[in-house]
């Protein structure tokens, strides 16, 4: 198996262990292969640390340093204590073994909670990969946080330091809890607890080969045209992206192309840029729409369809909805779901197996099944159970009791 096929197999293994985190898995692997940094933003318990642990394991068992940061943590807790014998000799030296300067990957939880002194230390490590004038083996830092630095537009020194550190994270992803019922059921049934596949672990030489192969990928003409359109669209929507960041995005697109065995990028490789071109949360939707519209326009349909239906599904699940109104609304939404599923299936055929479209389709089918069984219960049409949540659980091969009690009334 060549290195790119191995990388795809690693992604598949990681996605089986951390559900609905395809973008996060891709971003962390890209960071470790390309030597970039990324930050995962979201609540605890969404699989952020598991992704980092798995990626380090598969990428040659990279040395991992992890720490939970807070306002009162001292820099030496990350960099290592001072050597007292050396200090007595007038030599300022840290004992870095087992600490950040000796690690190949760092996972820093709540990274923006650290003091200015520690943030400055981290900034130098991220920028220069050096500590105390010495080169470090650091390949990538993966930060995680529940929230972004406050006041990203502030000019206060502490905030400026946080902003400078934040800017060094090339990829920024908002991590959500599991959304689809199928994935949630798989998680509850332990399907995500499969052990890692030791046969997929790469050697350091193979990781270096991956990096080299990615560097050889050329920026395609069609991609360049699409990027020019994207740049104009972002400017029109008030999103400013630095020239440095644009340049840093090139390896991300090459990474995507290389995974498919291509030696030249295509516009669809720009999809990963939706996680690299926004700065503040209010820009996320604008950047995503601009990227989707220039990279794979069909994806806009999937995103907008999901956004519209999520609200309607939430309203139908609300306990405040009067019972006498429930059935009519359920039947209407079920019909709409079936129509939109068909439309999205056609989109999927045109766009190919794009994970985003596939994910939305899975969610829609799962919800439609739940609504169908709810309608069957209300009307006594139990013969529709073959298209219900019962069929979903049968697919999962589990007997978890009364499947019709999940989700809807």
Protein backbone atom coordinates (compact mmCIF):
# COMPACT_ATOMS: atom_id res chain seq x y z
CA UNK A 1 0.00 0.00 0.00
CA UNK A 2 1.48 3.35 -0.97
CA UNK A 3 1.75 6.20 1.52
CA UNK A 4 -1.34 8.07 0.30
CA UNK A 5 -3.55 4.99 0.48
CA UNK A 6 -2.23 4.41 3.98
CA UNK A 7 -3.15 7.98 4.91
CA UNK A 8 -6.71 7.42 3.64
CA UNK A 9 -6.91 4.20 5.65
CA UNK A 10 -5.70 6.07 8.75
CA UNK A 11 -8.38 8.73 8.24
CA UNK A 12 -11.03 6.02 7.93
CA UNK A 13 -9.83 4.36 11.13
CA UNK A 14 -9.84 7.65 13.04
CA UNK A 15 -13.28 8.59 11.71
CA UNK A 16 -14.63 5.25 12.91
CA UNK A 17 -13.40 6.05 16.42
CA UNK A 18 -14.48 9.71 16.56
CA UNK A 19 -17.79 10.10 14.76
CA UNK A 20 -18.81 13.15 12.69
CA UNK A 21 -15.35 14.70 12.99
CA UNK A 22 -14.09 14.20 9.43
CA UNK A 23 -12.91 17.80 9.07
CA UNK A 24 -11.18 17.74 12.45
CA UNK A 25 -9.42 14.47 11.67
CA UNK A 26 -8.24 15.81 8.31
CA UNK A 27 -7.02 19.06 9.88
CA UNK A 28 -5.02 17.40 12.66
CA UNK A 29 -3.41 14.91 10.28
CA UNK A 30 -2.57 17.72 7.87
CA UNK A 31 -1.00 19.70 10.72
CA UNK A 32 1.26 16.81 11.69
CA UNK A 33 2.26 15.95 8.12
CA UNK A 34 2.73 19.55 6.93
CA UNK A 35 4.12 21.02 10.15
CA UNK A 36 1.32 23.52 10.74
CA UNK A 37 -0.72 24.34 13.84
CA UNK A 38 -4.47 24.05 14.34
CA UNK A 39 -6.99 24.91 17.03
CA UNK A 40 -10.19 23.02 17.88
CA UNK A 41 -12.94 25.16 19.36
CA UNK A 42 -15.83 23.55 21.18
CA UNK A 43 -17.22 22.09 24.40
CA UNK A 44 -15.58 19.26 26.35
CA UNK A 45 -16.44 15.70 25.44
CA UNK A 46 -16.48 16.14 21.67
CA UNK A 47 -13.43 13.98 20.88
CA UNK A 48 -10.74 16.63 20.50
CA UNK A 49 -8.08 14.91 22.58
CA UNK A 50 -8.87 11.48 21.10
CA UNK A 51 -8.23 12.82 17.59
CA UNK A 52 -4.83 14.18 18.65
CA UNK A 53 -3.87 10.95 20.44
CA UNK A 54 -4.85 8.83 17.44
CA UNK A 55 -3.05 11.08 14.96
CA UNK A 56 0.18 10.96 16.98
CA UNK A 57 -0.10 7.18 17.18
CA UNK A 58 -0.57 6.68 13.45
CA UNK A 59 2.00 9.28 12.40
CA UNK A 60 4.92 7.25 13.73
CA UNK A 61 4.08 7.38 17.46
CA UNK A 62 5.08 11.04 17.67
CA UNK A 63 6.13 12.28 21.09
CA UNK A 64 3.14 14.09 22.57
CA UNK A 65 3.15 16.72 25.31
CA UNK A 66 -0.21 17.72 26.76
CA UNK A 67 -1.21 20.34 29.28
CA UNK A 68 -4.31 22.12 30.55
CA UNK A 69 -3.48 25.83 30.66
CA UNK A 70 -4.81 28.39 33.12
CA UNK A 71 -4.04 31.93 34.19
CA UNK A 72 -1.69 30.96 37.01
CA UNK A 73 0.37 28.28 35.29
CA UNK A 74 4.09 29.04 35.25
CA UNK A 75 6.08 28.82 31.98
CA UNK A 76 8.41 26.26 33.60
CA UNK A 77 5.52 23.80 33.85
CA UNK A 78 5.63 23.64 30.07
CA UNK A 79 9.28 24.33 29.32
CA UNK A 80 10.77 22.34 32.21
CA UNK A 81 12.37 23.50 35.48
CA UNK A 82 15.68 25.30 35.67
CA UNK A 83 18.72 23.11 36.30
CA UNK A 84 19.95 24.12 39.76
CA UNK A 85 23.54 22.82 39.27
CA UNK A 86 23.83 24.77 36.01
CA UNK A 87 22.28 27.83 37.60
CA UNK A 88 24.94 27.74 40.33
CA UNK A 89 27.49 27.89 37.55
CA UNK A 90 25.78 30.92 36.08
CA UNK A 91 24.23 28.91 33.24
CA UNK A 92 20.51 29.41 32.59
CA UNK A 93 19.34 25.98 31.41
CA UNK A 94 16.00 24.20 31.49
CA UNK A 95 15.54 20.45 32.02
CA UNK A 96 13.30 19.97 29.01
CA UNK A 97 12.98 16.16 28.97
CA UNK A 98 9.31 15.24 29.10
CA UNK A 99 8.26 18.83 28.48
CA UNK A 100 7.13 20.92 25.50
CA UNK A 101 10.57 21.77 24.04
CA UNK A 102 11.31 18.04 23.72
CA UNK A 103 7.97 17.10 22.13
CA UNK A 104 7.11 16.60 18.48
CA UNK A 105 3.44 17.45 19.02
CA UNK A 106 1.83 19.52 21.75
CA UNK A 107 -1.83 19.40 22.73
CA UNK A 108 -2.62 22.49 24.79
CA UNK A 109 -6.11 22.57 26.26
CA UNK A 110 -7.71 25.97 26.99
CA UNK A 111 -4.74 27.54 25.28
CA UNK A 112 -5.97 31.14 25.47
CA UNK A 113 -6.34 31.02 29.27
CA UNK A 114 -2.58 31.29 29.82
CA UNK A 115 -0.77 34.38 31.12
CA UNK A 116 0.97 36.84 28.82
CA UNK A 117 4.39 35.48 29.83
CA UNK A 118 3.42 31.96 28.85
CA UNK A 119 1.71 33.12 25.66
CA UNK A 120 4.92 34.89 24.62
CA UNK A 121 6.90 31.70 25.24
CA UNK A 122 4.42 29.73 23.17
CA UNK A 123 4.50 32.32 20.41
CA UNK A 124 8.25 31.88 19.99
CA UNK A 125 7.93 28.11 19.97
CA UNK A 126 5.19 28.17 17.35
CA UNK A 127 6.93 30.72 15.16
CA UNK A 128 10.55 29.64 15.28
CA UNK A 129 10.39 26.06 16.62
CA UNK A 130 13.17 27.11 18.99
CA UNK A 131 13.58 27.37 22.75
CA UNK A 132 16.47 29.07 24.56
CA UNK A 133 18.24 29.44 21.24
CA UNK A 134 18.02 25.72 20.45
CA UNK A 135 16.01 24.01 17.70
CA UNK A 136 13.16 21.85 18.98
CA UNK A 137 11.64 18.76 17.29
CA UNK A 138 8.19 20.39 17.38
CA UNK A 139 6.10 19.54 14.30
CA UNK A 140 2.72 20.86 15.31
CA UNK A 141 0.76 22.39 18.15
CA UNK A 142 -2.91 21.53 18.45
CA UNK A 143 -4.75 23.93 20.70
CA UNK A 144 -8.23 23.47 22.07
CA UNK A 145 -10.55 25.94 23.71
CA UNK A 146 -14.15 26.40 24.73
CA UNK A 147 -14.08 29.95 23.41
CA UNK A 148 -11.91 32.25 21.33
CA UNK A 149 -9.78 35.04 22.85
CA UNK A 150 -11.99 37.88 24.01
CA UNK A 151 -11.90 41.17 22.18
CA UNK A 152 -10.16 40.09 19.00
CA UNK A 153 -10.40 43.71 17.84
CA UNK A 154 -8.89 45.11 21.05
CA UNK A 155 -5.45 46.79 21.17
CA UNK A 156 -4.76 45.86 24.81
CA UNK A 157 -1.33 44.17 25.22
CA UNK A 158 -2.69 40.92 26.70
CA UNK A 159 -5.27 40.62 23.94
CA UNK A 160 -2.69 41.47 21.29
CA UNK A 161 -0.53 38.60 22.52
CA UNK A 162 -3.49 36.22 22.36
CA UNK A 163 -4.30 37.49 18.86
CA UNK A 164 -0.72 36.95 17.70
CA UNK A 165 -0.81 33.38 19.01
CA UNK A 166 -4.26 32.79 17.53
CA UNK A 167 -3.03 33.98 14.13
CA UNK A 168 -0.39 31.22 14.12
CA UNK A 169 -3.08 28.54 14.02
CA UNK A 170 -3.57 27.98 10.32
CA UNK A 171 -6.67 25.83 10.67
CA UNK A 172 -9.51 26.69 13.06
CA UNK A 173 -12.44 24.35 13.52
CA UNK A 174 -15.65 24.64 15.50
CA UNK A 175 -16.24 21.18 17.00
CA UNK A 176 -19.84 20.12 17.73
CA UNK A 177 -21.37 17.20 19.61
CA UNK A 178 -22.74 14.38 17.45
CA UNK A 179 -25.67 15.60 15.37
CA UNK A 180 -27.15 12.61 13.52
CA UNK A 181 -29.21 9.98 15.30
CA UNK A 182 -27.41 7.13 13.54
CA UNK A 183 -23.97 8.30 14.68
CA UNK A 184 -25.30 8.96 18.18
CA UNK A 185 -26.76 5.44 18.33
CA UNK A 186 -23.47 3.97 17.10
CA UNK A 187 -21.64 5.87 19.82
CA UNK A 188 -24.06 4.66 22.51
CA UNK A 189 -23.74 1.08 21.26
CA UNK A 190 -19.95 1.26 21.53
CA UNK A 191 -19.28 1.15 17.79
CA UNK A 192 -16.78 4.01 18.17
CA UNK A 193 -14.72 2.05 20.72
CA UNK A 194 -12.88 -0.05 18.15
CA UNK A 195 -9.16 -0.38 18.89
CA UNK A 196 -6.59 1.39 16.78
CA UNK A 197 -5.24 -0.57 13.83
CA UNK A 198 -1.54 -1.12 14.56
CA UNK A 199 -0.93 -2.25 10.98
CA UNK A 200 -1.53 1.33 9.79
CA UNK A 201 1.13 3.02 11.95
CA UNK A 202 3.58 4.87 9.70
CA UNK A 203 7.30 5.11 10.20
CA UNK A 204 9.02 8.48 10.43
CA UNK A 205 10.44 7.85 6.96
CA UNK A 206 6.95 7.30 5.56
CA UNK A 207 5.73 10.55 7.11
CA UNK A 208 8.68 12.35 5.49
CA UNK A 209 7.77 10.72 2.16
CA UNK A 210 4.21 11.97 2.58
CA UNK A 211 5.45 15.50 3.13
CA UNK A 212 7.71 15.30 0.09
CA UNK A 213 4.96 13.96 -2.19
CA UNK A 214 2.62 16.72 -1.08
CA UNK A 215 5.23 19.38 -1.88
CA UNK A 216 5.44 18.08 -5.46
CA UNK A 217 1.74 18.71 -6.15
CA UNK A 218 1.20 21.67 -8.47
CA UNK A 219 -1.41 24.41 -8.10
CA UNK A 220 -3.84 23.78 -10.96
CA UNK A 221 -4.96 26.58 -13.28
CA UNK A 222 -8.62 25.94 -12.51
CA UNK A 223 -7.83 26.16 -8.79
CA UNK A 224 -6.05 29.46 -9.26
CA UNK A 225 -9.04 30.90 -11.11
CA UNK A 226 -11.36 29.70 -8.35
CA UNK A 227 -9.08 31.21 -5.69
CA UNK A 228 -9.14 34.57 -7.44
CA UNK A 229 -12.94 34.44 -7.42
CA UNK A 230 -12.87 33.43 -3.76
CA UNK A 231 -10.55 36.29 -2.84
CA UNK A 232 -12.85 38.79 -4.56
CA UNK A 233 -15.91 37.27 -2.88
CA UNK A 234 -14.33 37.51 0.57
CA UNK A 235 -13.31 41.14 0.03
CA UNK A 236 -16.86 41.91 -1.10
CA UNK A 237 -18.16 40.34 2.10
CA UNK A 238 -15.79 42.24 4.35
CA UNK A 239 -13.42 39.37 5.19
CA UNK A 240 -9.74 40.31 5.11
CA UNK A 241 -7.17 37.53 4.75
CA UNK A 242 -3.46 38.29 5.00
CA UNK A 243 -1.11 37.42 2.13
CA UNK A 244 0.84 35.20 4.53
CA UNK A 245 -2.26 33.17 5.35
CA UNK A 246 -3.18 32.79 1.66
CA UNK A 247 0.30 31.47 0.99
CA UNK A 248 0.15 29.08 3.96
CA UNK A 249 -3.09 27.65 2.59
CA UNK A 250 -1.39 26.19 -0.48
CA UNK A 251 -0.07 23.05 1.29
CA UNK A 252 -3.56 22.36 2.66
CA UNK A 253 -4.97 22.15 -0.86
CA UNK A 254 -2.01 20.09 -2.02
CA UNK A 255 -2.59 17.74 0.92
CA UNK A 256 -6.13 17.11 -0.29
CA UNK A 257 -5.03 16.56 -3.88
CA UNK A 258 -2.26 14.17 -2.89
CA UNK A 259 -4.69 12.05 -0.87
CA UNK A 260 -6.56 11.36 -4.11
CA UNK A 261 -3.34 10.54 -5.94
CA UNK A 262 -3.39 13.70 -8.04
CA UNK A 263 -0.31 15.75 -8.97
CA UNK A 264 -2.35 18.91 -9.54
CA UNK A 265 -4.98 20.60 -7.40
CA UNK A 266 -8.63 21.02 -8.39
CA UNK A 267 -11.11 23.62 -7.11
CA UNK A 268 -12.68 21.06 -4.79
CA UNK A 269 -9.41 20.95 -2.84
CA UNK A 270 -10.28 24.47 -1.66
CA UNK A 271 -12.97 23.05 0.64
CA UNK A 272 -10.50 22.81 3.49
CA UNK A 273 -9.99 26.59 3.29
CA UNK A 274 -13.36 27.20 4.95
CA UNK A 275 -11.52 26.30 8.17
CA UNK A 276 -8.51 28.53 7.49
CA UNK A 277 -9.80 31.88 6.23
CA UNK A 278 -12.06 33.11 9.04
CA UNK A 279 -10.92 35.02 12.11
CA UNK A 280 -14.01 35.86 14.16
CA UNK A 281 -17.09 33.65 14.58
CA UNK A 282 -19.29 36.08 12.66
CA UNK A 283 -17.15 35.38 9.58
CA UNK A 284 -17.60 31.59 9.63
CA UNK A 285 -20.80 31.45 7.61
CA UNK A 286 -19.63 34.08 5.11
CA UNK A 287 -16.34 32.30 4.54
CA UNK A 288 -18.01 28.89 4.27
CA UNK A 289 -20.54 30.14 1.72
CA UNK A 290 -17.84 31.84 -0.35
CA UNK A 291 -15.61 28.74 -0.30
CA UNK A 292 -18.43 26.36 -1.14
CA UNK A 293 -19.70 28.62 -3.90
CA UNK A 294 -16.32 28.69 -5.63
CA UNK A 295 -15.02 25.21 -4.80
CA UNK A 296 -18.08 22.94 -5.16
CA UNK A 297 -21.22 25.04 -5.71
CA UNK A 298 -23.49 22.03 -5.15
CA UNK A 299 -22.45 21.99 -1.49
CA UNK A 300 -24.28 25.25 -0.91
CA UNK A 301 -27.51 23.35 -1.48
CA UNK A 302 -26.61 20.82 1.22
CA UNK A 303 -25.61 23.47 3.75
CA UNK A 304 -28.68 25.63 3.20
CA UNK A 305 -31.01 22.64 3.24
CA UNK A 306 -29.58 21.45 6.55
CA UNK A 307 -29.77 24.91 8.10
CA UNK A 308 -33.44 25.22 7.14
CA UNK A 309 -34.46 21.75 8.28
CA UNK A 310 -32.66 21.80 11.64
CA UNK A 311 -34.99 24.52 12.88
CA UNK A 312 -38.09 22.67 11.72
CA UNK A 313 -36.92 19.41 13.30
CA UNK A 314 -36.19 21.18 16.58
CA UNK A 315 -39.64 22.77 16.55
CA UNK A 316 -41.30 19.40 15.93
CA UNK A 317 -39.40 17.85 18.84
CA UNK A 318 -40.40 20.64 21.19
CA UNK A 319 -42.56 19.49 24.13
CA UNK A 320 -44.37 22.84 23.87
CA UNK A 321 -45.92 21.90 20.52
CA UNK A 322 -49.63 21.12 21.17
CA UNK A 323 -50.53 17.48 20.51
CA UNK A 324 -53.38 18.43 18.17
CA UNK A 325 -50.92 20.24 15.90
CA UNK A 326 -48.16 17.63 16.02
CA UNK A 327 -49.47 15.13 13.46
CA UNK A 328 -50.14 17.70 10.75
CA UNK A 329 -46.71 19.24 11.19
CA UNK A 330 -45.02 15.82 11.29
CA UNK A 331 -46.70 14.72 8.04
CA UNK A 332 -45.78 18.01 6.34
CA UNK A 333 -42.16 17.79 7.48
CA UNK A 334 -41.93 14.12 6.53
CA UNK A 335 -43.09 14.93 2.98
CA UNK A 336 -40.64 17.80 2.78
CA UNK A 337 -37.82 15.59 4.07
CA UNK A 338 -38.48 12.99 1.38
CA UNK A 339 -38.46 15.68 -1.32
CA UNK A 340 -35.24 17.25 -0.05
CA UNK A 341 -33.57 13.85 0.30
CA UNK A 342 -34.27 13.15 -3.37
CA UNK A 343 -32.94 16.57 -4.37
CA UNK A 344 -29.80 16.09 -2.30
CA UNK A 345 -29.24 12.61 -3.71
CA UNK A 346 -29.22 14.19 -7.17
CA UNK A 347 -26.73 16.80 -5.92
CA UNK A 348 -24.53 14.04 -4.53
CA UNK A 349 -24.44 12.36 -7.93
CA UNK A 350 -23.32 15.57 -9.59
CA UNK A 351 -20.71 16.46 -6.96
CA UNK A 352 -19.38 12.98 -6.30
CA UNK A 353 -18.87 11.48 -2.85
CA UNK A 354 -18.37 14.77 -1.04
CA UNK A 355 -18.37 14.04 2.73
CA UNK A 356 -20.40 17.14 3.59
CA UNK A 357 -23.26 16.15 1.30
CA UNK A 358 -23.08 12.54 2.48
CA UNK A 359 -23.22 13.66 6.12
CA UNK A 360 -26.28 15.85 5.55
CA UNK A 361 -28.00 13.04 3.66
CA UNK A 362 -27.35 10.59 6.50
CA UNK A 363 -28.78 13.03 9.01
CA UNK A 364 -31.87 13.71 6.89
CA UNK A 365 -32.58 10.01 6.31
CA UNK A 366 -32.21 9.30 10.01
CA UNK A 367 -34.59 12.10 11.02
CA UNK A 368 -37.08 11.14 8.32
CA UNK A 369 -37.11 7.59 9.69
CA UNK A 370 -37.85 8.91 13.16
CA UNK A 371 -40.71 11.07 11.90
CA UNK A 372 -42.11 8.17 9.89
CA UNK A 373 -42.33 5.89 12.91
CA UNK A 374 -43.88 8.69 14.96
CA UNK A 375 -46.58 9.15 12.32
CA UNK A 376 -47.09 5.37 12.21
CA UNK A 377 -47.67 5.32 15.96
CA UNK A 378 -50.19 8.16 15.78
CA UNK A 379 -52.13 6.69 12.84
CA UNK A 380 -51.72 3.00 13.58
CA UNK A 381 -49.89 2.43 10.30
CA UNK A 382 -47.34 0.13 11.91
CA UNK A 383 -46.51 -1.49 8.57
CA UNK A 384 -44.32 1.53 7.83
CA UNK A 385 -41.88 0.31 10.45
CA UNK A 386 -39.55 -0.90 7.71
CA UNK A 387 -38.69 2.74 7.03
CA UNK A 388 -38.63 3.73 10.68
CA UNK A 389 -36.12 4.11 13.44
CA UNK A 390 -36.71 0.43 14.10
CA UNK A 391 -35.07 -0.31 10.76
CA UNK A 392 -32.22 1.97 11.74
CA UNK A 393 -31.58 0.03 14.93
CA UNK A 394 -31.97 -3.24 13.06
CA UNK A 395 -29.24 -2.04 10.72
CA UNK A 396 -27.07 -1.39 13.74
CA UNK A 397 -27.67 -4.97 14.81
CA UNK A 398 -28.79 -4.07 18.30
CA UNK A 399 -31.76 -4.87 20.49
CA UNK A 400 -32.16 -1.83 22.70
CA UNK A 401 -35.81 -2.23 23.60
CA UNK A 402 -38.59 -0.05 22.28
CA UNK A 403 -36.92 1.78 19.39
CA UNK A 404 -40.05 3.82 18.75
CA UNK A 405 -39.47 5.82 21.89
CA UNK A 406 -36.50 7.71 20.47
CA UNK A 407 -36.67 11.33 19.43
CA UNK A 408 -40.26 12.10 18.49
CA UNK A 409 -43.62 11.57 20.19
